[in-house]
Amino acid sequence: MSERIRARLRKARERHHANDNISAFIEPGELAQLQEEVEAKMKRVLEALVIDTESDHNTQETARRVAKMYVTEVFRGRFVPEPPVTEFPNVERLNELMIVGPITVRSACSHHLCPIIGRVWIGVMPNEHSNLIGLSKYARLCDWVMSRPQIQEEAVTRLADLLQEKMQPDGLAVVMEADHFCMQWRGVKDTDSKMVNSVMRGSFLKDANLRREFLALLQRKNA
């Protein structure tokens, strides 16, 4: 199944990196078959790790669980279309700073497939022509973008691109703070370090006072 999907992507000359959404190239019913393929190959991985899954009751269903987790949960953002989001016009012509967050987000490092768990804050400076979206829709879009293997810097940029396209505000700011289990669980095993990065667009990039106001409000919320 993976070869069939990959052939479509290559024919269309479509990139299919770890953090790309490929849902347009998956036909109805194929996701279940892809999950079965992942399960079969995960069994081979467990065998290569010299784990006797036949007599070890704890790992007899591990390949199935991992396949389901990858395809339908932690990497779901690769395989399903963008969630529907109702946009509505800025009837009241709001033009003051809006802040949404913190939104809890979960992703995975594409280097080691270890969890990235953190929080996202979104700042929006709308104009009279901006589209507005409901509060819960920010969380849905965050989850869709984050549920893929990636690095944090690219994830934040992709989320900013998506929100900018949907809302067309005068300014947009996205800040993400996260724990990286590739540092905590392996490697240097540093449990205290977090990564914080931001993307500033439009008036947040041009207006230092607006940027300071946004960051100051975030610090106050976290105090």
N, C-alpha and C. Protein backbone atom coordinates (compact mmCIF):
# COMPACT_ATOMS: atom_id res chain seq x y z
N MET A 1 0.83 -1.21 0.00
CA MET A 1 0.00 0.00 0.00
C MET A 1 0.86 1.26 0.00
N SER A 2 1.91 1.26 0.80
CA SER A 2 2.78 2.45 0.86
C SER A 2 3.39 2.73 -0.51
N GLU A 3 3.75 1.67 -1.26
CA GLU A 3 4.33 1.87 -2.60
C GLU A 3 3.30 2.47 -3.56
N ARG A 4 2.04 2.07 -3.42
CA ARG A 4 0.99 2.61 -4.29
C ARG A 4 0.81 4.11 -4.03
N ILE A 5 0.77 4.47 -2.75
CA ILE A 5 0.61 5.89 -2.40
C ILE A 5 1.85 6.68 -2.82
N ARG A 6 3.01 6.10 -2.59
CA ARG A 6 4.27 6.77 -2.96
C ARG A 6 4.34 6.99 -4.48
N ALA A 7 3.85 6.02 -5.25
CA ALA A 7 3.87 6.17 -6.71
C ALA A 7 3.02 7.35 -7.15
N ARG A 8 1.88 7.54 -6.52
CA ARG A 8 1.01 8.68 -6.86
C ARG A 8 1.73 10.00 -6.54
N LEU A 9 2.38 10.04 -5.39
CA LEU A 9 3.09 11.25 -4.99
C LEU A 9 4.22 11.57 -5.97
N ARG A 10 4.94 10.55 -6.37
CA ARG A 10 6.05 10.77 -7.29
C ARG A 10 5.55 11.18 -8.67
N LYS A 11 4.46 10.59 -9.10
CA LYS A 11 3.90 10.95 -10.40
C LYS A 11 3.47 12.41 -10.42
N ALA A 12 2.93 12.87 -9.29
CA ALA A 12 2.50 14.26 -9.18
C ALA A 12 3.66 15.20 -8.80
N ARG A 13 4.84 14.60 -8.62
CA ARG A 13 6.02 15.37 -8.18
C ARG A 13 5.73 16.14 -6.91
N GLU A 14 5.04 15.46 -6.01
CA GLU A 14 4.64 16.05 -4.74
C GLU A 14 5.60 15.63 -3.64
N ARG A 15 6.07 16.59 -2.89
CA ARG A 15 6.98 16.29 -1.77
C ARG A 15 6.23 15.50 -0.70
N HIS A 16 6.90 14.55 -0.08
CA HIS A 16 6.27 13.79 1.01
C HIS A 16 7.26 13.57 2.15
N HIS A 17 7.74 14.69 2.68
CA HIS A 17 8.60 14.66 3.85
C HIS A 17 7.77 14.28 5.09
N ALA A 18 8.47 14.07 6.19
CA ALA A 18 7.79 13.61 7.41
C ALA A 18 6.69 14.56 7.87
N ASN A 19 6.86 15.86 7.65
CA ASN A 19 5.88 16.82 8.14
C ASN A 19 4.92 17.32 7.06
N ASP A 20 4.86 16.62 5.93
CA ASP A 20 3.92 16.98 4.86
C ASP A 20 2.61 16.23 5.03
N ASN A 21 1.52 16.88 4.63
CA ASN A 21 0.22 16.21 4.61
C ASN A 21 0.02 15.57 3.24
N ILE A 22 -0.27 14.26 3.23
CA ILE A 22 -0.40 13.52 1.97
C ILE A 22 -1.82 12.97 1.78
N SER A 23 -2.78 13.53 2.50
CA SER A 23 -4.15 13.00 2.49
C SER A 23 -4.77 13.01 1.09
N ALA A 24 -4.39 13.96 0.25
CA ALA A 24 -4.98 14.06 -1.09
C ALA A 24 -4.59 12.87 -1.97
N PHE A 25 -3.59 12.12 -1.57
CA PHE A 25 -3.11 11.00 -2.38
C PHE A 25 -3.49 9.65 -1.77
N ILE A 26 -4.34 9.67 -0.75
CA ILE A 26 -4.81 8.44 -0.12
C ILE A 26 -6.29 8.26 -0.44
N GLU A 27 -6.64 7.12 -1.02
CA GLU A 27 -8.01 6.86 -1.43
C GLU A 27 -8.79 6.18 -0.30
N PRO A 28 -10.13 6.24 -0.35
CA PRO A 28 -10.94 5.63 0.72
C PRO A 28 -10.57 4.16 0.95
N GLY A 29 -10.42 3.80 2.21
CA GLY A 29 -10.11 2.42 2.58
C GLY A 29 -8.63 2.11 2.64
N GLU A 30 -7.80 2.98 2.06
CA GLU A 30 -6.37 2.68 2.01
C GLU A 30 -5.64 2.92 3.32
N LEU A 31 -6.19 3.82 4.15
CA LEU A 31 -5.51 4.10 5.42
C LEU A 31 -5.49 2.86 6.32
N ALA A 32 -6.57 2.08 6.30
CA ALA A 32 -6.61 0.85 7.09
C ALA A 32 -5.58 -0.15 6.57
N GLN A 33 -5.42 -0.21 5.26
CA GLN A 33 -4.43 -1.11 4.67
C GLN A 33 -3.01 -0.65 4.98
N LEU A 34 -2.83 0.68 5.00
CA LEU A 34 -1.52 1.22 5.35
C LEU A 34 -1.18 0.86 6.80
N GLN A 35 -2.17 0.95 7.67
CA GLN A 35 -1.96 0.59 9.07
C GLN A 35 -1.56 -0.88 9.20
N GLU A 36 -2.18 -1.76 8.42
CA GLU A 36 -1.83 -3.17 8.44
C GLU A 36 -0.39 -3.39 7.99
N GLU A 37 0.03 -2.61 7.00
CA GLU A 37 1.42 -2.72 6.52
C GLU A 37 2.40 -2.26 7.59
N VAL A 38 2.09 -1.16 8.25
CA VAL A 38 2.95 -0.67 9.33
C VAL A 38 3.05 -1.71 10.44
N GLU A 39 1.93 -2.35 10.76
CA GLU A 39 1.93 -3.39 11.79
C GLU A 39 2.87 -4.53 11.42
N ALA A 40 2.79 -4.99 10.17
CA ALA A 40 3.64 -6.10 9.73
C ALA A 40 5.12 -5.72 9.81
N LYS A 41 5.42 -4.50 9.42
CA LYS A 41 6.83 -4.09 9.44
C LYS A 41 7.31 -3.80 10.87
N MET A 42 6.40 -3.36 11.73
CA MET A 42 6.77 -3.16 13.13
C MET A 42 7.08 -4.49 13.81
N LYS A 43 6.40 -5.55 13.41
CA LYS A 43 6.72 -6.88 13.92
C LYS A 43 8.15 -7.25 13.57
N ARG A 44 8.58 -6.88 12.35
CA ARG A 44 9.95 -7.16 11.94
C ARG A 44 10.95 -6.37 12.77
N VAL A 45 10.58 -5.15 13.12
CA VAL A 45 11.45 -4.33 13.98
C VAL A 45 11.62 -5.01 15.34
N LEU A 46 10.53 -5.47 15.92
CA LEU A 46 10.60 -6.14 17.22
C LEU A 46 11.43 -7.42 17.14
N GLU A 47 11.29 -8.14 16.03
CA GLU A 47 12.12 -9.33 15.83
C GLU A 47 13.60 -8.96 15.75
N ALA A 48 13.90 -7.86 15.06
CA ALA A 48 15.29 -7.42 14.93
C ALA A 48 15.88 -6.99 16.27
N LEU A 49 15.00 -6.59 17.18
CA LEU A 49 15.44 -6.23 18.54
C LEU A 49 15.52 -7.46 19.45
N VAL A 50 15.33 -8.63 18.87
CA VAL A 50 15.42 -9.92 19.56
C VAL A 50 14.40 -9.99 20.70
N ILE A 51 13.17 -9.57 20.39
CA ILE A 51 12.07 -9.67 21.35
C ILE A 51 11.16 -10.81 20.91
N ASP A 52 10.94 -11.76 21.78
CA ASP A 52 10.11 -12.92 21.48
C ASP A 52 8.65 -12.55 21.72
N THR A 53 8.02 -12.00 20.68
CA THR A 53 6.64 -11.52 20.84
C THR A 53 5.64 -12.67 20.91
N GLU A 54 6.05 -13.88 20.55
CA GLU A 54 5.13 -15.01 20.60
C GLU A 54 4.88 -15.47 22.02
N SER A 55 5.93 -15.49 22.84
CA SER A 55 5.75 -15.98 24.21
C SER A 55 5.68 -14.85 25.24
N ASP A 56 6.08 -13.64 24.84
CA ASP A 56 6.02 -12.49 25.75
C ASP A 56 4.64 -11.84 25.63
N HIS A 57 3.79 -12.08 26.62
CA HIS A 57 2.42 -11.58 26.52
C HIS A 57 2.36 -10.05 26.49
N ASN A 58 3.37 -9.38 27.00
CA ASN A 58 3.36 -7.91 27.03
C ASN A 58 3.56 -7.30 25.65
N THR A 59 4.19 -8.04 24.73
CA THR A 59 4.50 -7.46 23.41
C THR A 59 3.77 -8.16 22.27
N GLN A 60 2.88 -9.08 22.57
CA GLN A 60 2.18 -9.80 21.50
C GLN A 60 1.34 -8.85 20.63
N GLU A 61 0.80 -7.80 21.19
CA GLU A 61 -0.03 -6.85 20.44
C GLU A 61 0.67 -5.51 20.22
N THR A 62 1.94 -5.45 20.55
CA THR A 62 2.66 -4.17 20.47
C THR A 62 2.70 -3.63 19.05
N ALA A 63 2.99 -4.47 18.07
CA ALA A 63 3.07 -4.00 16.68
C ALA A 63 1.74 -3.40 16.23
N ARG A 64 0.64 -4.03 16.59
CA ARG A 64 -0.68 -3.51 16.23
C ARG A 64 -0.94 -2.18 16.90
N ARG A 65 -0.60 -2.10 18.20
CA ARG A 65 -0.83 -0.85 18.95
C ARG A 65 0.00 0.29 18.37
N VAL A 66 1.27 0.01 18.07
CA VAL A 66 2.15 1.06 17.55
C VAL A 66 1.68 1.52 16.18
N ALA A 67 1.28 0.59 15.33
CA ALA A 67 0.78 0.96 14.00
C ALA A 67 -0.45 1.85 14.10
N LYS A 68 -1.37 1.47 14.96
CA LYS A 68 -2.58 2.28 15.16
C LYS A 68 -2.22 3.66 15.71
N MET A 69 -1.30 3.70 16.65
CA MET A 69 -0.88 4.97 17.24
C MET A 69 -0.27 5.89 16.19
N TYR A 70 0.63 5.37 15.37
CA TYR A 70 1.28 6.19 14.36
C TYR A 70 0.29 6.72 13.32
N VAL A 71 -0.56 5.84 12.80
CA VAL A 71 -1.42 6.21 11.67
C VAL A 71 -2.63 7.03 12.10
N THR A 72 -3.23 6.69 13.23
CA THR A 72 -4.50 7.34 13.60
C THR A 72 -4.37 8.36 14.73
N GLU A 73 -3.18 8.46 15.33
CA GLU A 73 -3.05 9.39 16.46
C GLU A 73 -1.87 10.32 16.29
N VAL A 74 -0.66 9.89 16.63
CA VAL A 74 0.45 10.84 16.75
C VAL A 74 0.93 11.39 15.41
N PHE A 75 0.74 10.64 14.29
CA PHE A 75 1.11 11.17 12.98
C PHE A 75 -0.13 11.41 12.10
N ARG A 76 -1.28 11.53 12.75
CA ARG A 76 -2.55 11.67 12.04
C ARG A 76 -2.56 12.87 11.10
N GLY A 77 -1.86 13.93 11.47
CA GLY A 77 -1.84 15.14 10.66
C GLY A 77 -1.24 14.95 9.28
N ARG A 78 -0.57 13.82 9.04
CA ARG A 78 -0.03 13.52 7.71
C ARG A 78 -1.10 12.91 6.80
N PHE A 79 -2.05 12.20 7.41
CA PHE A 79 -2.91 11.32 6.63
C PHE A 79 -4.36 11.78 6.48
N VAL A 80 -4.77 12.79 7.21
CA VAL A 80 -6.16 13.25 7.12
C VAL A 80 -6.19 14.70 6.62
N PRO A 81 -7.27 15.09 5.95
CA PRO A 81 -7.37 16.47 5.44
C PRO A 81 -7.45 17.47 6.59
N GLU A 82 -7.21 18.71 6.25
CA GLU A 82 -7.34 19.81 7.22
C GLU A 82 -8.73 19.81 7.82
N PRO A 83 -8.86 19.97 9.14
CA PRO A 83 -10.19 19.97 9.76
C PRO A 83 -11.02 21.16 9.28
N PRO A 84 -12.32 20.96 9.13
CA PRO A 84 -13.17 22.08 8.68
C PRO A 84 -13.21 23.17 9.74
N VAL A 85 -13.04 24.39 9.30
CA VAL A 85 -13.04 25.54 10.21
C VAL A 85 -13.95 26.61 9.63
N THR A 86 -14.98 26.95 10.39
CA THR A 86 -15.90 28.00 9.94
C THR A 86 -15.28 29.36 10.20
N GLU A 87 -15.20 30.14 9.15
CA GLU A 87 -14.68 31.51 9.27
C GLU A 87 -15.84 32.48 9.14
N PHE A 88 -15.80 33.55 9.93
CA PHE A 88 -16.88 34.54 9.84
C PHE A 88 -16.28 35.93 9.77
N PRO A 89 -16.97 36.86 9.11
CA PRO A 89 -16.42 38.19 8.89
C PRO A 89 -16.30 38.99 10.18
N ASN A 90 -15.39 39.93 10.16
CA ASN A 90 -15.15 40.81 11.31
C ASN A 90 -16.18 41.95 11.28
N VAL A 91 -17.43 41.62 11.60
CA VAL A 91 -18.54 42.57 11.49
C VAL A 91 -18.32 43.78 12.40
N GLU A 92 -17.81 43.54 13.60
CA GLU A 92 -17.60 44.64 14.55
C GLU A 92 -16.32 45.42 14.28
N ARG A 93 -15.60 45.03 13.23
CA ARG A 93 -14.35 45.71 12.84
C ARG A 93 -13.36 45.76 14.00
N LEU A 94 -13.19 44.62 14.66
CA LEU A 94 -12.23 44.53 15.76
C LEU A 94 -10.83 44.80 15.25
N ASN A 95 -10.10 45.62 15.95
CA ASN A 95 -8.73 45.93 15.55
C ASN A 95 -7.80 46.05 16.75
N GLU A 96 -8.13 45.30 17.81
CA GLU A 96 -7.30 45.27 19.01
C GLU A 96 -6.65 43.89 19.14
N LEU A 97 -5.57 43.84 19.89
CA LEU A 97 -4.81 42.62 20.07
C LEU A 97 -5.67 41.51 20.70
N MET A 98 -5.67 40.33 20.06
CA MET A 98 -6.32 39.14 20.60
C MET A 98 -5.23 38.10 20.88
N ILE A 99 -5.33 37.43 22.04
CA ILE A 99 -4.37 36.38 22.38
C ILE A 99 -5.13 35.10 22.70
N VAL A 100 -4.73 34.01 22.07
CA VAL A 100 -5.31 32.69 22.32
C VAL A 100 -4.23 31.79 22.89
N GLY A 101 -4.54 31.13 24.00
CA GLY A 101 -3.57 30.19 24.57
C GLY A 101 -3.53 30.29 26.08
N PRO A 102 -2.77 29.40 26.69
CA PRO A 102 -1.93 28.39 26.03
C PRO A 102 -2.75 27.21 25.52
N ILE A 103 -2.38 26.73 24.33
CA ILE A 103 -2.95 25.52 23.75
C ILE A 103 -1.92 24.41 23.89
N THR A 104 -2.29 23.32 24.56
CA THR A 104 -1.37 22.20 24.70
C THR A 104 -1.23 21.49 23.36
N VAL A 105 0.02 21.26 22.95
CA VAL A 105 0.28 20.61 21.66
C VAL A 105 1.23 19.43 21.86
N ARG A 106 1.08 18.45 21.00
CA ARG A 106 1.91 17.24 21.05
C ARG A 106 2.40 16.96 19.64
N SER A 107 3.71 16.76 19.53
CA SER A 107 4.30 16.44 18.24
C SER A 107 5.37 15.38 18.47
N ALA A 108 6.20 15.17 17.44
CA ALA A 108 7.29 14.20 17.57
C ALA A 108 8.49 14.71 16.79
N CYS A 109 9.66 14.54 17.37
CA CYS A 109 10.90 14.94 16.70
C CYS A 109 11.15 13.99 15.53
N SER A 110 11.39 14.54 14.36
CA SER A 110 11.60 13.70 13.18
C SER A 110 12.96 13.02 13.18
N HIS A 111 13.85 13.41 14.10
CA HIS A 111 15.17 12.77 14.17
C HIS A 111 15.11 11.43 14.90
N HIS A 112 14.36 11.37 16.00
CA HIS A 112 14.31 10.14 16.80
C HIS A 112 12.88 9.65 17.06
N LEU A 113 11.87 10.36 16.54
CA LEU A 113 10.45 10.04 16.78
C LEU A 113 10.13 10.06 18.27
N CYS A 114 10.82 10.91 19.01
CA CYS A 114 10.52 11.09 20.43
C CYS A 114 9.50 12.22 20.59
N PRO A 115 8.71 12.18 21.66
CA PRO A 115 7.67 13.20 21.83
C PRO A 115 8.22 14.61 22.02
N ILE A 116 7.46 15.55 21.50
CA ILE A 116 7.62 16.98 21.79
C ILE A 116 6.29 17.42 22.38
N ILE A 117 6.30 17.88 23.61
CA ILE A 117 5.06 18.27 24.28
C ILE A 117 5.23 19.69 24.81
N GLY A 118 4.29 20.54 24.46
CA GLY A 118 4.45 21.92 24.87
C GLY A 118 3.17 22.72 24.80
N ARG A 119 3.34 24.05 24.72
CA ARG A 119 2.20 24.97 24.69
C ARG A 119 2.43 26.01 23.61
N VAL A 120 1.32 26.45 23.02
CA VAL A 120 1.37 27.46 21.96
C VAL A 120 0.49 28.63 22.35
N TRP A 121 0.99 29.83 22.09
CA TRP A 121 0.21 31.06 22.23
C TRP A 121 0.12 31.73 20.87
N ILE A 122 -1.05 32.26 20.56
CA ILE A 122 -1.26 32.91 19.26
C ILE A 122 -1.75 34.33 19.50
N GLY A 123 -1.10 35.27 18.88
CA GLY A 123 -1.52 36.66 18.93
C GLY A 123 -2.03 37.09 17.56
N VAL A 124 -3.18 37.76 17.54
CA VAL A 124 -3.78 38.19 16.29
C VAL A 124 -4.13 39.67 16.37
N MET A 125 -3.73 40.42 15.35
CA MET A 125 -4.15 41.81 15.20
C MET A 125 -5.04 41.88 13.96
N PRO A 126 -6.36 41.79 14.16
CA PRO A 126 -7.26 41.73 13.00
C PRO A 126 -7.47 43.11 12.37
N ASN A 127 -8.02 43.10 11.18
CA ASN A 127 -8.49 44.33 10.55
C ASN A 127 -9.94 44.11 10.11
N GLU A 128 -10.55 45.12 9.56
CA GLU A 128 -11.98 45.02 9.22
C GLU A 128 -12.26 43.97 8.15
N HIS A 129 -11.23 43.58 7.40
CA HIS A 129 -11.41 42.60 6.34
C HIS A 129 -11.00 41.19 6.77
N SER A 130 -10.51 41.05 8.00
CA SER A 130 -10.03 39.75 8.47
C SER A 130 -11.18 38.76 8.65
N ASN A 131 -10.87 37.49 8.46
CA ASN A 131 -11.78 36.43 8.87
C ASN A 131 -11.46 36.04 10.30
N LEU A 132 -12.49 35.77 11.09
CA LEU A 132 -12.30 35.34 12.47
C LEU A 132 -12.70 33.87 12.57
N ILE A 133 -12.09 33.15 13.50
CA ILE A 133 -12.44 31.74 13.71
C ILE A 133 -12.73 31.52 15.18
N GLY A 134 -13.52 30.50 15.48
CA GLY A 134 -13.89 30.20 16.86
C GLY A 134 -12.70 29.72 17.68
N LEU A 135 -12.79 29.88 18.98
CA LEU A 135 -11.68 29.57 19.88
C LEU A 135 -11.23 28.11 19.75
N SER A 136 -12.19 27.18 19.70
CA SER A 136 -11.82 25.76 19.64
C SER A 136 -11.12 25.41 18.32
N LYS A 137 -11.36 26.22 17.28
CA LYS A 137 -10.78 25.91 15.97
C LYS A 137 -9.27 26.14 15.97
N TYR A 138 -8.79 27.07 16.81
CA TYR A 138 -7.34 27.24 16.93
C TYR A 138 -6.71 25.93 17.41
N ALA A 139 -7.33 25.30 18.40
CA ALA A 139 -6.80 24.04 18.94
C ALA A 139 -6.84 22.94 17.88
N ARG A 140 -7.90 22.89 17.08
CA ARG A 140 -8.00 21.86 16.03
C ARG A 140 -6.91 22.04 14.99
N LEU A 141 -6.68 23.27 14.57
CA LEU A 141 -5.64 23.53 13.57
C LEU A 141 -4.26 23.25 14.13
N CYS A 142 -4.05 23.62 15.40
CA CYS A 142 -2.76 23.32 16.05
C CYS A 142 -2.51 21.82 16.06
N ASP A 143 -3.52 21.05 16.45
CA ASP A 143 -3.36 19.60 16.53
C ASP A 143 -3.06 19.01 15.16
N TRP A 144 -3.73 19.50 14.12
CA TRP A 144 -3.53 18.98 12.76
C TRP A 144 -2.10 19.22 12.28
N VAL A 145 -1.58 20.41 12.56
CA VAL A 145 -0.22 20.74 12.13
C VAL A 145 0.82 19.99 12.97
N MET A 146 0.57 19.88 14.27
CA MET A 146 1.57 19.31 15.17
C MET A 146 1.63 17.78 15.12
N SER A 147 0.55 17.12 14.68
CA SER A 147 0.51 15.65 14.70
C SER A 147 1.28 15.06 13.52
N ARG A 148 2.57 15.38 13.47
CA ARG A 148 3.46 14.89 12.42
C ARG A 148 4.89 14.88 12.99
N PRO A 149 5.77 14.05 12.44
CA PRO A 149 7.18 14.14 12.85
C PRO A 149 7.81 15.39 12.25
N GLN A 150 8.48 16.20 13.07
CA GLN A 150 9.02 17.46 12.58
C GLN A 150 9.95 18.08 13.62
N ILE A 151 10.55 19.19 13.25
CA ILE A 151 11.29 19.96 14.24
C ILE A 151 10.44 21.17 14.62
N GLN A 152 10.64 21.66 15.82
CA GLN A 152 9.75 22.68 16.37
C GLN A 152 9.74 23.94 15.53
N GLU A 153 10.89 24.35 15.03
CA GLU A 153 10.97 25.59 14.26
C GLU A 153 10.08 25.54 13.03
N GLU A 154 10.08 24.39 12.34
CA GLU A 154 9.25 24.25 11.15
C GLU A 154 7.77 24.16 11.49
N ALA A 155 7.47 23.50 12.61
CA ALA A 155 6.07 23.36 13.03
C ALA A 155 5.43 24.72 13.28
N VAL A 156 6.14 25.60 13.98
CA VAL A 156 5.61 26.92 14.30
C VAL A 156 5.40 27.74 13.02
N THR A 157 6.33 27.63 12.09
CA THR A 157 6.21 28.36 10.83
C THR A 157 5.00 27.87 10.04
N ARG A 158 4.80 26.56 10.00
CA ARG A 158 3.65 26.01 9.27
C ARG A 158 2.33 26.45 9.88
N LEU A 159 2.28 26.47 11.21
CA LEU A 159 1.06 26.91 11.88
C LEU A 159 0.79 28.38 11.56
N ALA A 160 1.83 29.20 11.59
CA ALA A 160 1.68 30.62 11.28
C ALA A 160 1.20 30.81 9.84
N ASP A 161 1.75 30.05 8.90
CA ASP A 161 1.33 30.14 7.50
C ASP A 161 -0.15 29.81 7.35
N LEU A 162 -0.59 28.75 8.04
CA LEU A 162 -1.98 28.32 7.94
C LEU A 162 -2.93 29.38 8.50
N LEU A 163 -2.61 29.92 9.67
CA LEU A 163 -3.47 30.93 10.29
C LEU A 163 -3.48 32.23 9.47
N GLN A 164 -2.32 32.61 8.94
CA GLN A 164 -2.25 33.81 8.11
C GLN A 164 -3.14 33.66 6.88
N GLU A 165 -3.10 32.50 6.26
CA GLU A 165 -3.91 32.26 5.07
C GLU A 165 -5.40 32.30 5.38
N LYS A 166 -5.80 31.75 6.52
CA LYS A 166 -7.22 31.68 6.86
C LYS A 166 -7.77 33.03 7.32
N MET A 167 -7.01 33.77 8.10
CA MET A 167 -7.55 34.95 8.76
C MET A 167 -7.19 36.27 8.07
N GLN A 168 -6.05 36.30 7.38
CA GLN A 168 -5.59 37.53 6.73
C GLN A 168 -5.57 38.72 7.70
N PRO A 169 -4.95 38.57 8.87
CA PRO A 169 -4.90 39.69 9.81
C PRO A 169 -3.80 40.68 9.44
N ASP A 170 -3.81 41.82 10.10
CA ASP A 170 -2.72 42.78 9.93
C ASP A 170 -1.44 42.25 10.57
N GLY A 171 -1.60 41.49 11.66
CA GLY A 171 -0.44 40.95 12.35
C GLY A 171 -0.74 39.60 12.94
N LEU A 172 0.28 38.76 13.00
CA LEU A 172 0.12 37.42 13.58
C LEU A 172 1.40 37.06 14.32
N ALA A 173 1.24 36.51 15.51
CA ALA A 173 2.39 36.05 16.29
C ALA A 173 2.09 34.66 16.84
N VAL A 174 3.04 33.76 16.74
CA VAL A 174 2.92 32.41 17.30
C VAL A 174 4.15 32.13 18.14
N VAL A 175 3.94 31.73 19.38
CA VAL A 175 5.04 31.38 20.28
C VAL A 175 4.80 29.96 20.78
N MET A 176 5.84 29.15 20.75
CA MET A 176 5.74 27.77 21.24
C MET A 176 6.86 27.49 22.23
N GLU A 177 6.49 26.89 23.35
CA GLU A 177 7.45 26.44 24.37
C GLU A 177 7.24 24.95 24.56
N ALA A 178 8.30 24.14 24.47
CA ALA A 178 8.09 22.70 24.51
C ALA A 178 9.26 21.95 25.15
N ASP A 179 8.91 20.80 25.73
CA ASP A 179 9.89 19.83 26.20
C ASP A 179 10.17 18.85 25.07
N HIS A 180 11.44 18.50 24.90
CA HIS A 180 11.85 17.57 23.85
C HIS A 180 12.39 16.31 24.50
N PHE A 181 11.67 15.21 24.30
CA PHE A 181 12.07 13.97 24.94
C PHE A 181 13.32 13.36 24.30
N CYS A 182 13.73 13.86 23.13
CA CYS A 182 14.99 13.40 22.55
C CYS A 182 16.17 13.92 23.37
N MET A 183 15.93 14.95 24.20
CA MET A 183 16.96 15.41 25.15
C MET A 183 16.76 14.82 26.53
N GLN A 184 15.50 14.60 26.91
CA GLN A 184 15.21 14.15 28.27
C GLN A 184 15.31 12.64 28.43
N TRP A 185 14.98 11.92 27.39
CA TRP A 185 14.86 10.47 27.44
C TRP A 185 16.14 9.78 26.99
N ARG A 186 16.90 10.49 26.12
CA ARG A 186 18.13 9.93 25.56
C ARG A 186 19.19 11.04 25.52
N GLY A 187 20.33 10.75 24.94
CA GLY A 187 21.36 11.78 24.78
C GLY A 187 21.84 12.32 26.11
N VAL A 188 21.78 13.65 26.26
CA VAL A 188 22.31 14.28 27.47
C VAL A 188 21.39 14.09 28.67
N LYS A 189 20.15 13.67 28.43
CA LYS A 189 19.16 13.44 29.50
C LYS A 189 18.99 14.67 30.38
N ASP A 190 18.87 15.82 29.74
CA ASP A 190 18.63 17.08 30.44
C ASP A 190 17.13 17.26 30.59
N THR A 191 16.64 17.21 31.82
CA THR A 191 15.19 17.27 32.06
C THR A 191 14.67 18.69 32.28
N ASP A 192 15.56 19.67 32.32
CA ASP A 192 15.14 21.04 32.62
C ASP A 192 15.02 21.95 31.39
N SER A 193 15.74 21.63 30.35
CA SER A 193 15.78 22.52 29.18
C SER A 193 14.47 22.47 28.40
N LYS A 194 14.03 23.63 27.97
CA LYS A 194 12.88 23.76 27.08
C LYS A 194 13.31 24.58 25.87
N MET A 195 12.59 24.40 24.80
CA MET A 195 12.85 25.22 23.61
C MET A 195 11.69 26.18 23.42
N VAL A 196 12.01 27.44 23.21
CA VAL A 196 11.01 28.47 22.94
C VAL A 196 11.36 29.13 21.62
N ASN A 197 10.40 29.19 20.72
CA ASN A 197 10.64 29.94 19.48
C ASN A 197 9.35 30.62 19.04
N SER A 198 9.51 31.58 18.17
CA SER A 198 8.36 32.40 17.77
C SER A 198 8.43 32.73 16.29
N VAL A 199 7.26 33.06 15.76
CA VAL A 199 7.15 33.59 14.41
C VAL A 199 6.31 34.85 14.50
N MET A 200 6.81 35.95 13.96
CA MET A 200 6.11 37.23 13.97
C MET A 200 5.83 37.65 12.53
N ARG A 201 4.60 38.04 12.26
CA ARG A 201 4.23 38.47 10.91
C ARG A 201 3.55 39.84 10.97
N GLY A 202 3.67 40.59 9.88
CA GLY A 202 2.95 41.86 9.74
C GLY A 202 3.28 42.85 10.83
N SER A 203 2.24 43.39 11.48
CA SER A 203 2.43 44.46 12.47
C SER A 203 3.24 44.00 13.68
N PHE A 204 3.21 42.71 14.01
CA PHE A 204 4.03 42.22 15.12
C PHE A 204 5.51 42.32 14.78
N LEU A 205 5.82 42.18 13.50
CA LEU A 205 7.21 42.27 13.07
C LEU A 205 7.66 43.72 12.93
N LYS A 206 6.74 44.58 12.51
CA LYS A 206 7.10 45.98 12.23
C LYS A 206 6.98 46.88 13.45
N ASP A 207 6.06 46.57 14.36
CA ASP A 207 5.76 47.45 15.49
C ASP A 207 6.35 46.86 16.78
N ALA A 208 7.44 47.44 17.22
CA ALA A 208 8.13 46.93 18.41
C ALA A 208 7.25 47.06 19.65
N ASN A 209 6.43 48.09 19.73
CA ASN A 209 5.56 48.27 20.90
C ASN A 209 4.50 47.17 20.97
N LEU A 210 3.92 46.83 19.83
CA LEU A 210 2.93 45.75 19.80
C LEU A 210 3.57 44.43 20.19
N ARG A 211 4.77 44.20 19.67
CA ARG A 211 5.48 42.95 20.00
C ARG A 211 5.77 42.88 21.50
N ARG A 212 6.19 43.99 22.07
CA ARG A 212 6.47 44.03 23.52
C ARG A 212 5.20 43.80 24.33
N GLU A 213 4.08 44.40 23.89
CA GLU A 213 2.81 44.22 24.60
C GLU A 213 2.41 42.74 24.60
N PHE A 214 2.51 42.10 23.44
CA PHE A 214 2.16 40.68 23.33
C PHE A 214 3.02 39.83 24.24
N LEU A 215 4.34 40.01 24.19
CA LEU A 215 5.25 39.20 24.99
C LEU A 215 5.08 39.48 26.49
N ALA A 216 4.79 40.75 26.82
CA ALA A 216 4.59 41.10 28.24
C ALA A 216 3.33 40.43 28.78
N LEU A 217 2.28 40.39 27.97
CA LEU A 217 1.04 39.73 28.40
C LEU A 217 1.25 38.22 28.59
N LEU A 218 2.08 37.63 27.74
CA LEU A 218 2.39 36.21 27.91
C LEU A 218 3.14 35.96 29.21
N GLN A 219 4.10 36.83 29.50
CA GLN A 219 4.85 36.67 30.74
C GLN A 219 3.96 36.84 31.95
N ARG A 220 3.00 37.77 31.87
CA ARG A 220 2.08 37.98 32.99
C ARG A 220 1.18 36.76 33.19
N LYS A 221 0.74 36.14 32.07
CA LYS A 221 -0.12 34.96 32.17
C LYS A 221 0.65 33.79 32.78
N ASN A 222 1.96 33.75 32.58
CA ASN A 222 2.77 32.63 33.06
C ASN A 222 3.38 32.90 34.44
N ALA A 223 3.18 34.09 34.95
CA ALA A 223 3.79 34.46 36.23
C ALA A 223 3.15 33.69 37.38
